[in-house]
Amino acid sequence: MNLWHLVRREITYQKLNFILGLFSVAVASGVLVAVLTLLESHDRRTQQVLADKQARTEQEMALLEDDYRKIMLKLGFNLLVLPASQSLEQYYATGCVTEYMPEKYVHTLAEAGLMTIQHLLPSIEQKIEWPERSNRQIFLVGTRGEVPSRGPAPKKPMQLSVAPGEIIAGYELARSLGLSEGDRLKLLGEQFTVSEVHAERGTRDDITLWIDLETAQKLLGQPGRINAILALKCLCEGNQLAQIRSDIARILPETQVIEVDSKVVTRAEARERAAAAAKIALAEELASRASIRIEMEKFVSWLSPVVILGATLWIGLLAFGNVRQRRGEIAVLRAIGVGSTNIMLIFLTKSVLLGLIGAAPGYFLGLAAGLFSGELEVSFGAAAGLFSPALFLIVLFISMLLCVLAGWIPALLASNQDPADVLREE
C-alpha cells in the first residue's frame, strides 16, 4: 500500500470528520480574508473620497480664480505706488496726487520681476480747470499700456492703453455734455476723438477724461514724469502687504505703497477663506476616516485571533477523536508492517490537504463577504481589484501550517501506540 492510497482511504472512511475540518478551515481563512478585505476596501474608498473632494476643491478654486480675474478686469487695481513725498493725509482728503516721480520707475520695477505684484500701469493725473468748457473742473488722467514684468508667464492686460489723439470720457461728463463715441472735443488746446464712454461707476471716474500718457505729460508740463503706478497684489499663499512694501522699498526707495480697499480685495479674501475651508474639510474627512479605520483595526485585532485559534483547536480535537476511533485500524496497519513514520505521514498529509482544500474556498468566500460588507461598489472589477495573489498564497500556507500543527500531536500519538496492546484490548 502506498501513502496516497492510505490517505485517500482514510479521508473517504471519515468523510464527516474531514468535511467538518474543511468547514473550520474555510471559516477561519474566510474571516481573516474578509476583515483584511474590509480594511482594504475602506482604504480604497478613503482614497476615492479624498480624490473626489480634492478634484471638486480644485475645480471650485479654478472657478473662483477665473471669477476673480473677471472681477479684476471690471474693478481695477488694488495697489498704488506713490511718490514718497506725497502726503497721504492730503491724498485721502482730496483723492488727488500732487507729487511726481520719474516714469523710469515703472520700468525699474518691471525689470525687478517681483512675484508679489502684477500688471504695472504708470499714470499721471491732475485735477484741472477745463478752459474749453467754462473752466469746468475735471480729473485728467494720462495712461499708457501696461508695462510687462520680467517673468515666465506674461499676464493678459487688465487695462488697455489709450491711443494718441483719442480720449475716453467718464459717464457724467458724457451725459452732461452730450458726448458719444466718435465725437470731437478740444482739451487744453488739443483736439481729440471720443473713442469710448465709460458706464456709470458712481466714483470720480464719472468726471474723468483719459488720454495717452505722453500727451498728458506734455499738456500738464511734466514730461517724462508720472505720479502713480497702479499694480495688482498677487494672491500667492502667505503673501502680505508688508512684504510687498519691503520689496518695492528695496527697489524704489523714493516711493510708498498703499492698498486700495476695494471689492477686489474683499473677493480675494473670500477666495482665500474658501481655499482654507476646503483644506480644513479635507483634513477633517481624512481624520474621520482614519478614526473609523482605527476602530475597525481594534475589532480585527481580537476577532481574527479568536476565530483562528478556535478553528485550530477544533481541527486538533477532530484529529484527536479520529485517532482514538481508529486505534484498531492503526494497530492492524502497524502489525502488517506499516512503519510509525508512515502512520504519522498519513495523518499529517491529511492535515496538509485539509488546510489547502479548505483555505481556497475560504479565501474567495471571505473576499466576497468583505466586498459586500465594504464601501466599494460590488462588481467584478472591484473584486478583481481586491484579489491579491500574494494574500491567497499566504492564506493557503498559514492554513496548511495551522492544520499540521493542530494534527501533529494526534498524529504522533497514532504513530507511537503499541499495536500489541491495542489488539489485546480489542
Protein backbone atom coordinates (compact mmCIF):
# COMPACT_ATOMS: atom_id res chain seq x y z
CA MET A 1 0.00 0.00 0.00
CA ASN A 2 1.34 3.41 -0.91
CA LEU A 3 0.92 6.56 1.15
CA TRP A 4 -1.61 8.30 -1.13
CA HIS A 5 -3.81 5.21 -1.22
CA LEU A 6 -3.90 5.08 2.57
CA VAL A 7 -4.60 8.83 2.83
CA ARG A 8 -7.46 8.55 0.33
CA ARG A 9 -8.94 5.61 2.22
CA GLU A 10 -8.60 7.49 5.49
CA ILE A 11 -10.44 10.53 4.09
CA THR A 12 -13.23 8.56 2.43
CA TYR A 13 -13.76 6.45 5.57
CA GLN A 14 -14.07 9.55 7.76
CA LYS A 15 -15.99 11.85 5.40
CA LEU A 16 -17.87 13.74 8.10
CA ASN A 17 -14.72 14.31 10.10
CA PHE A 18 -12.93 15.65 7.01
CA ILE A 19 -15.89 17.86 5.98
CA LEU A 20 -16.11 19.38 9.46
CA GLY A 21 -12.40 20.09 9.30
CA LEU A 22 -12.76 21.72 5.88
CA PHE A 23 -15.58 23.86 7.20
CA SER A 24 -13.44 25.03 10.12
CA VAL A 25 -10.53 25.93 7.87
CA ALA A 26 -12.83 27.72 5.42
CA VAL A 27 -14.44 29.74 8.22
CA ALA A 28 -11.11 30.73 9.76
CA SER A 29 -9.48 31.69 6.48
CA GLY A 30 -12.68 33.37 5.30
CA VAL A 31 -12.93 35.54 8.40
CA LEU A 32 -9.28 36.55 8.08
CA VAL A 33 -9.64 37.43 4.39
CA ALA A 34 -12.98 39.19 4.98
CA VAL A 35 -11.61 41.57 7.61
CA LEU A 36 -8.47 42.28 5.57
CA THR A 37 -10.64 42.92 2.50
CA LEU A 38 -12.86 45.19 4.58
CA LEU A 39 -9.83 47.23 5.63
CA GLU A 40 -8.53 47.40 2.06
CA SER A 41 -11.98 48.41 0.83
CA HIS A 42 -12.08 51.17 3.44
CA ASP A 43 -8.62 52.42 2.41
CA ARG A 44 -9.53 52.48 -1.28
CA ARG A 45 -12.80 54.23 -0.58
CA THR A 46 -10.90 56.77 1.52
CA GLN A 47 -8.60 57.44 -1.42
CA GLN A 48 -11.62 57.85 -3.71
CA VAL A 49 -13.40 60.21 -1.31
CA LEU A 50 -10.32 62.36 -0.80
CA ALA A 51 -9.53 62.36 -4.52
CA ASP A 52 -13.11 63.40 -5.34
CA LYS A 53 -13.06 66.14 -2.72
CA GLN A 54 -9.67 67.33 -3.93
CA ALA A 55 -10.88 67.39 -7.54
CA ARG A 56 -14.03 69.30 -6.56
CA THR A 57 -11.96 71.72 -4.49
CA GLU A 58 -9.54 72.33 -7.34
CA GLN A 59 -12.46 72.85 -9.72
CA GLU A 60 -14.11 75.31 -7.33
CA MET A 61 -10.81 77.12 -6.82
CA ALA A 62 -10.34 77.32 -10.59
CA LEU A 63 -13.83 78.81 -10.95
CA LEU A 64 -13.11 81.28 -8.16
CA GLU A 65 -9.80 82.17 -9.78
CA ASP A 66 -11.49 82.76 -13.13
CA ASP A 67 -14.24 84.73 -11.41
CA TYR A 68 -11.59 86.77 -9.60
CA ARG A 69 -9.82 87.60 -12.87
CA LYS A 70 -13.09 88.74 -14.42
CA ILE A 71 -13.82 90.96 -11.43
CA MET A 72 -10.32 92.41 -11.58
CA LEU A 73 -10.94 93.42 -15.17
CA LYS A 74 -14.05 95.26 -14.06
CA LEU A 75 -12.91 96.74 -10.78
CA GLY A 76 -9.27 97.52 -11.43
CA PHE A 77 -6.09 97.53 -9.43
CA ASN A 78 -5.64 97.19 -5.70
CA LEU A 79 -2.15 98.62 -5.11
CA LEU A 80 -0.96 102.18 -5.61
CA VAL A 81 2.72 103.15 -5.71
CA LEU A 82 3.07 106.86 -4.94
CA PRO A 83 6.00 109.25 -4.56
CA ALA A 84 7.43 109.16 -1.04
CA SER A 85 6.87 112.92 -0.77
CA GLN A 86 3.13 112.57 -1.32
CA SER A 87 1.11 113.39 1.80
CA LEU A 88 -1.31 110.53 2.39
CA GLU A 89 -3.47 112.78 4.54
CA GLN A 90 -3.86 115.18 1.63
CA TYR A 91 -4.44 112.28 -0.79
CA TYR A 92 -7.16 110.71 1.35
CA ALA A 93 -8.82 114.09 1.86
CA THR A 94 -8.87 115.15 -1.81
CA GLY A 95 -8.30 111.98 -3.78
CA CYS A 96 -5.61 113.78 -5.74
CA VAL A 97 -1.90 113.03 -6.14
CA THR A 98 0.12 116.24 -6.24
CA GLU A 99 3.70 114.94 -6.25
CA TYR A 100 5.61 113.38 -9.16
CA MET A 101 8.30 110.78 -9.81
CA PRO A 102 10.29 109.68 -12.89
CA GLU A 103 8.46 107.49 -15.40
CA LYS A 104 11.51 105.20 -15.46
CA TYR A 105 10.48 103.92 -12.01
CA VAL A 106 7.85 101.69 -13.59
CA HIS A 107 10.46 100.11 -15.87
CA THR A 108 12.81 99.58 -12.94
CA LEU A 109 10.01 97.84 -11.04
CA ALA A 110 9.07 95.74 -14.05
CA GLU A 111 12.67 94.64 -14.59
CA ALA A 112 12.90 93.51 -10.98
CA GLY A 113 10.45 90.70 -11.78
CA LEU A 114 8.75 90.65 -8.38
CA MET A 115 6.43 87.68 -7.88
CA THR A 116 4.31 89.57 -5.36
CA ILE A 117 2.84 92.11 -7.80
CA GLN A 118 1.45 92.01 -11.36
CA HIS A 119 0.03 94.36 -14.01
CA LEU A 120 2.11 97.55 -13.66
CA LEU A 121 0.39 100.62 -15.09
CA PRO A 122 2.04 104.07 -14.91
CA SER A 123 -0.21 107.10 -14.89
CA ILE A 124 -0.24 110.82 -14.38
CA GLU A 125 -3.32 112.59 -13.08
CA GLN A 126 -4.31 116.06 -12.07
CA LYS A 127 -7.47 117.94 -11.19
CA ILE A 128 -7.73 120.77 -13.72
CA GLU A 129 -9.98 123.53 -14.96
CA TRP A 130 -11.28 122.70 -18.46
CA PRO A 131 -10.90 126.07 -20.23
CA GLU A 132 -12.86 125.00 -23.32
CA ARG A 133 -15.88 124.13 -21.15
CA SER A 134 -16.23 127.25 -19.00
CA ASN A 135 -13.41 126.17 -16.69
CA ARG A 136 -15.31 123.13 -15.59
CA GLN A 137 -13.36 121.06 -13.03
CA ILE A 138 -12.46 117.58 -14.14
CA PHE A 139 -9.83 114.93 -13.50
CA LEU A 140 -7.38 114.37 -16.34
CA VAL A 141 -5.58 111.03 -16.37
CA GLY A 142 -2.78 110.13 -18.73
CA THR A 143 -2.10 106.43 -19.09
CA ARG A 144 -0.33 104.02 -21.37
CA GLY A 145 -0.40 100.26 -21.85
CA GLU A 146 0.76 98.07 -19.00
CA VAL A 147 4.50 97.62 -18.67
CA PRO A 148 5.21 93.87 -18.86
CA SER A 149 7.04 92.43 -15.86
CA ARG A 150 10.03 90.22 -16.33
CA GLY A 151 8.67 86.74 -15.59
CA PRO A 152 7.90 83.32 -17.04
CA ALA A 153 4.25 83.94 -17.92
CA PRO A 154 3.08 87.39 -19.13
CA LYS A 155 -0.40 88.26 -17.86
CA LYS A 156 -3.23 89.42 -20.03
CA PRO A 157 -3.53 93.24 -19.61
CA MET A 158 -6.27 94.39 -17.26
CA GLN A 159 -6.47 97.81 -18.89
CA LEU A 160 -5.66 98.74 -22.46
CA SER A 161 -3.86 101.91 -23.45
CA VAL A 162 -5.48 104.99 -24.94
CA ALA A 163 -4.28 105.71 -28.46
CA PRO A 164 -2.77 109.15 -29.23
CA GLY A 165 -5.45 111.60 -30.43
CA GLU A 166 -8.22 109.68 -28.66
CA ILE A 167 -9.98 110.30 -25.38
CA ILE A 168 -12.14 108.24 -23.04
CA ALA A 169 -14.90 110.08 -21.21
CA GLY A 170 -16.48 109.33 -17.84
CA TYR A 171 -20.23 108.74 -17.64
CA GLU A 172 -21.28 112.07 -16.09
CA LEU A 173 -19.15 114.18 -18.43
CA ALA A 174 -20.51 112.39 -21.48
CA ARG A 175 -24.10 112.67 -20.20
CA SER A 176 -23.96 116.35 -19.29
CA LEU A 177 -22.08 117.35 -22.44
CA GLY A 178 -23.97 115.04 -24.77
CA LEU A 179 -20.82 113.22 -25.82
CA SER A 180 -20.83 109.90 -27.65
CA GLU A 181 -18.25 107.75 -29.38
CA GLY A 182 -16.81 109.41 -32.47
CA ASP A 183 -17.45 112.99 -31.29
CA ARG A 184 -14.63 115.52 -31.46
CA LEU A 185 -13.72 117.72 -28.50
CA LYS A 186 -10.99 120.17 -27.51
CA LEU A 187 -8.97 119.88 -24.31
CA LEU A 188 -6.19 122.32 -23.32
CA GLY A 189 -5.83 123.36 -26.94
CA GLU A 190 -5.59 119.80 -28.33
CA GLN A 191 -8.22 118.07 -30.47
CA PHE A 192 -9.35 114.57 -29.50
CA THR A 193 -11.83 111.97 -30.74
CA VAL A 194 -14.03 110.24 -28.17
CA SER A 195 -13.18 106.53 -28.51
CA GLU A 196 -15.19 105.25 -25.57
CA VAL A 197 -17.67 106.35 -22.90
CA HIS A 198 -17.49 104.50 -19.60
CA ALA A 199 -20.58 103.15 -17.91
CA GLU A 200 -21.65 104.81 -14.67
CA ARG A 201 -19.32 103.89 -11.80
CA GLY A 202 -20.51 106.19 -9.02
CA THR A 203 -16.96 107.44 -8.38
CA ARG A 204 -14.80 110.33 -9.54
CA ASP A 205 -14.23 108.29 -12.71
CA ASP A 206 -17.57 109.67 -13.89
CA ILE A 207 -15.96 113.15 -14.22
CA THR A 208 -12.61 111.93 -15.57
CA LEU A 209 -11.05 112.11 -19.04
CA TRP A 210 -8.36 109.59 -20.07
CA ILE A 211 -5.74 110.30 -22.74
CA ASP A 212 -2.40 108.72 -23.62
CA LEU A 213 0.43 109.24 -21.14
CA GLU A 214 2.84 111.17 -23.34
CA THR A 215 0.19 113.70 -24.40
CA ALA A 216 -0.92 114.17 -20.80
CA GLN A 217 2.67 114.76 -19.67
CA LYS A 218 3.01 117.42 -22.37
CA LEU A 219 -0.30 119.16 -21.55
CA LEU A 220 0.43 119.16 -17.80
CA GLY A 221 4.02 120.28 -18.23
CA GLN A 222 5.50 117.14 -16.69
CA PRO A 223 7.46 115.42 -19.49
CA GLY A 224 8.90 112.04 -18.50
CA ARG A 225 7.16 112.11 -15.12
CA ILE A 226 4.26 110.28 -13.50
CA ASN A 227 2.64 110.45 -10.10
CA ALA A 228 1.30 106.91 -9.63
CA ILE A 229 1.95 103.30 -10.57
CA LEU A 230 -1.10 101.07 -10.36
CA ALA A 231 -0.48 97.40 -9.63
CA LEU A 232 -2.22 94.22 -8.56
CA LYS A 233 -1.26 92.31 -5.45
CA CYS A 234 -0.57 88.66 -6.22
CA LEU A 235 -2.77 86.23 -4.33
CA CYS A 236 0.10 83.85 -3.63
CA GLU A 237 -0.38 81.93 -0.41
CA GLY A 238 1.15 83.71 2.54
CA ASN A 239 1.62 86.98 0.62
CA GLN A 240 1.36 90.06 2.85
CA LEU A 241 1.24 93.78 2.12
CA ALA A 242 4.26 94.29 4.41
CA GLN A 243 6.33 92.01 2.18
CA ILE A 244 5.25 93.91 -0.94
CA ARG A 245 6.15 97.22 0.66
CA SER A 246 9.52 95.82 1.66
CA ASP A 247 10.18 94.52 -1.87
CA ILE A 248 9.23 97.80 -3.56
CA ALA A 249 11.09 99.93 -0.99
CA ARG A 250 14.23 97.93 -1.72
CA ILE A 251 13.90 98.64 -5.46
CA LEU A 252 12.34 102.12 -5.35
CA PRO A 253 13.26 103.71 -2.03
CA GLU A 254 11.71 107.05 -3.04
CA THR A 255 8.18 105.62 -3.15
CA GLN A 256 5.43 104.39 -0.86
CA VAL A 257 2.73 101.75 -1.32
CA ILE A 258 -0.91 101.80 -0.26
CA GLU A 259 -3.54 99.13 -0.70
CA VAL A 260 -6.85 100.18 -2.21
CA ASP A 261 -9.68 98.74 -0.14
CA SER A 262 -12.00 97.58 -2.91
CA LYS A 263 -14.28 94.75 -3.89
CA VAL A 264 -11.28 93.10 -5.48
CA VAL A 265 -9.60 92.80 -2.09
CA THR A 266 -12.80 91.54 -0.49
CA ARG A 267 -13.22 88.97 -3.23
CA ALA A 268 -9.61 87.86 -2.87
CA GLU A 269 -10.05 87.41 0.87
CA ALA A 270 -13.21 85.37 0.25
CA ARG A 271 -11.28 83.19 -2.17
CA GLU A 272 -8.51 82.64 0.37
CA ARG A 273 -11.07 81.77 3.05
CA ALA A 274 -12.75 79.31 0.68
CA ALA A 275 -9.41 77.65 -0.03
CA ALA A 276 -8.64 77.42 3.70
CA ALA A 277 -12.11 75.98 4.41
CA ALA A 278 -11.60 73.38 1.67
CA LYS A 279 -8.29 72.31 3.20
CA ILE A 280 -9.90 72.04 6.64
CA ALA A 281 -12.74 69.94 5.18
CA LEU A 282 -10.22 67.59 3.55
CA ALA A 283 -8.28 67.27 6.80
CA GLU A 284 -11.48 66.59 8.78
CA GLU A 285 -12.60 63.96 6.28
CA LEU A 286 -9.20 62.26 6.46
CA ALA A 287 -9.25 62.35 10.27
CA SER A 288 -12.79 60.94 10.36
CA ARG A 289 -11.96 58.04 8.09
CA ALA A 290 -8.71 57.40 9.96
CA SER A 291 -10.71 57.18 13.18
CA ILE A 292 -13.10 54.67 11.59
CA ARG A 293 -10.15 52.59 10.41
CA ILE A 294 -8.65 52.52 13.90
CA GLU A 295 -11.94 51.18 15.26
CA MET A 296 -12.01 48.55 12.52
CA GLU A 297 -8.43 47.55 13.32
CA LYS A 298 -9.34 47.12 17.00
CA PHE A 299 -12.21 44.85 16.01
CA VAL A 300 -9.97 42.82 13.70
CA SER A 301 -7.19 42.59 16.30
CA TRP A 302 -9.31 40.42 18.60
CA LEU A 303 -11.73 38.75 16.18
CA SER A 304 -9.17 37.19 13.84
CA PRO A 305 -7.01 35.53 16.56
CA VAL A 306 -10.11 34.20 18.33
CA VAL A 307 -11.51 32.65 15.14
CA ILE A 308 -8.15 31.23 14.02
CA LEU A 309 -7.37 29.81 17.47
CA GLY A 310 -10.85 28.33 17.74
CA ALA A 311 -10.58 26.69 14.32
CA THR A 312 -7.13 25.30 15.16
CA LEU A 313 -8.36 23.79 18.43
CA TRP A 314 -11.41 22.35 16.68
CA ILE A 315 -9.28 20.72 13.99
CA GLY A 316 -6.96 19.35 16.71
CA LEU A 317 -9.94 17.87 18.59
CA LEU A 318 -11.29 16.31 15.38
CA ALA A 319 -7.88 14.81 14.65
CA PHE A 320 -7.54 13.51 18.21
CA GLY A 321 -11.02 11.97 18.12
CA ASN A 322 -10.27 10.37 14.75
CA VAL A 323 -7.10 8.77 16.13
CA ARG A 324 -8.97 7.35 19.13
CA GLN A 325 -11.68 5.91 16.90
CA ARG A 326 -9.13 4.38 14.55
CA ARG A 327 -6.88 2.77 17.16
CA GLY A 328 -7.76 -0.70 15.94
CA GLU A 329 -7.12 0.02 12.26
CA ILE A 330 -3.85 1.76 13.10
CA ALA A 331 -2.75 -1.27 15.15
CA VAL A 332 -3.57 -3.61 12.25
CA LEU A 333 -1.53 -1.45 9.86
CA ARG A 334 1.36 -1.49 12.29
CA ALA A 335 1.03 -5.24 12.67
CA ILE A 336 1.22 -5.90 8.91
CA GLY A 337 4.39 -3.86 8.59
CA VAL A 338 3.40 -0.19 8.09
CA GLY A 339 6.01 1.84 9.97
CA SER A 340 5.30 4.52 12.56
CA THR A 341 6.70 7.18 10.22
CA ASN A 342 4.20 6.23 7.52
CA ILE A 343 1.38 6.20 10.04
CA MET A 344 2.33 9.71 11.09
CA LEU A 345 2.63 10.83 7.46
CA ILE A 346 -0.90 9.59 6.75
CA PHE A 347 -2.41 11.93 9.33
CA LEU A 348 -0.08 14.84 8.58
CA THR A 349 -0.75 14.57 4.84
CA LYS A 350 -4.44 14.59 5.63
CA SER A 351 -3.87 17.78 7.65
CA VAL A 352 -1.99 19.38 4.73
CA LEU A 353 -4.83 18.56 2.33
CA LEU A 354 -7.32 19.80 4.87
CA GLY A 355 -5.55 23.16 5.06
CA LEU A 356 -5.08 23.58 1.31
CA ILE A 357 -8.54 22.41 0.22
CA GLY A 358 -10.35 24.34 2.97
CA ALA A 359 -8.41 27.60 2.58
CA ALA A 360 -9.05 28.06 -1.17
CA PRO A 361 -12.86 28.40 -0.99
CA GLY A 362 -12.49 30.19 2.35
CA TYR A 363 -10.37 32.88 0.69
CA PHE A 364 -12.92 33.58 -2.05
CA LEU A 365 -15.84 33.46 0.37
CA GLY A 366 -14.00 35.93 2.61
CA LEU A 367 -13.23 38.13 -0.39
CA ALA A 368 -16.92 38.18 -1.34
CA ALA A 369 -18.01 38.86 2.24
CA GLY A 370 -15.52 41.71 2.59
CA LEU A 371 -16.61 43.21 -0.72
CA PHE A 372 -20.32 43.07 0.11
CA SER A 373 -19.71 44.45 3.61
CA GLY A 374 -17.27 47.12 2.45
CA GLU A 375 -17.71 50.57 0.97
CA LEU A 376 -16.80 49.84 -2.64
CA GLU A 377 -19.32 49.23 -5.38
CA VAL A 378 -19.96 45.49 -5.71
CA SER A 379 -18.78 44.47 -9.16
CA PHE A 380 -16.50 42.01 -10.88
CA GLY A 381 -13.97 44.77 -11.47
CA ALA A 382 -13.94 45.67 -7.77
CA ALA A 383 -13.48 42.01 -6.81
CA ALA A 384 -10.65 41.62 -9.30
CA GLY A 385 -9.01 44.76 -7.92
CA LEU A 386 -9.20 43.44 -4.35
CA PHE A 387 -7.91 39.98 -5.24
CA SER A 388 -4.32 39.57 -4.06
CA PRO A 389 -2.32 36.55 -5.31
CA ALA A 390 0.21 37.12 -2.52
CA LEU A 391 -2.51 37.10 0.16
CA PHE A 392 -4.06 34.00 -1.41
CA LEU A 393 -0.76 32.10 -1.16
CA ILE A 394 -0.19 33.36 2.38
CA VAL A 395 -3.65 32.17 3.46
CA LEU A 396 -3.01 28.75 1.92
CA PHE A 397 0.34 28.46 3.68
CA ILE A 398 -0.96 29.64 7.08
CA SER A 399 -3.99 27.34 6.87
CA MET A 400 -1.82 24.36 5.97
CA LEU A 401 0.67 25.18 8.74
CA LEU A 402 -2.03 25.54 11.39
CA CYS A 403 -3.68 22.29 10.31
CA VAL A 404 -0.35 20.47 10.51
CA LEU A 405 0.32 21.93 13.97
CA ALA A 406 -3.20 21.00 15.11
CA GLY A 407 -2.80 17.43 13.84
CA TRP A 408 0.81 16.95 14.93
CA ILE A 409 0.16 15.63 18.46
CA PRO A 410 -2.68 13.29 17.40
CA ALA A 411 -0.50 12.00 14.54
CA LEU A 412 2.39 11.48 16.95
CA LEU A 413 0.15 9.55 19.34
CA ALA A 414 -1.13 7.39 16.47
CA SER A 415 2.36 6.53 15.29
CA ASN A 416 3.72 5.71 18.75
CA GLN A 417 0.95 3.46 20.08
CA ASP A 418 1.89 -0.25 20.61
CA PRO A 419 -0.13 -2.43 18.20
CA ALA A 420 0.07 -5.44 20.54
CA ASP A 421 -1.54 -3.54 23.42
CA VAL A 422 -4.26 -2.16 21.19
CA LEU A 423 -5.08 -5.53 19.62
CA ARG A 424 -5.08 -7.20 23.03
CA GLU A 425 -7.63 -4.64 24.24
CA GLU A 426 -9.71 -5.14 21.14
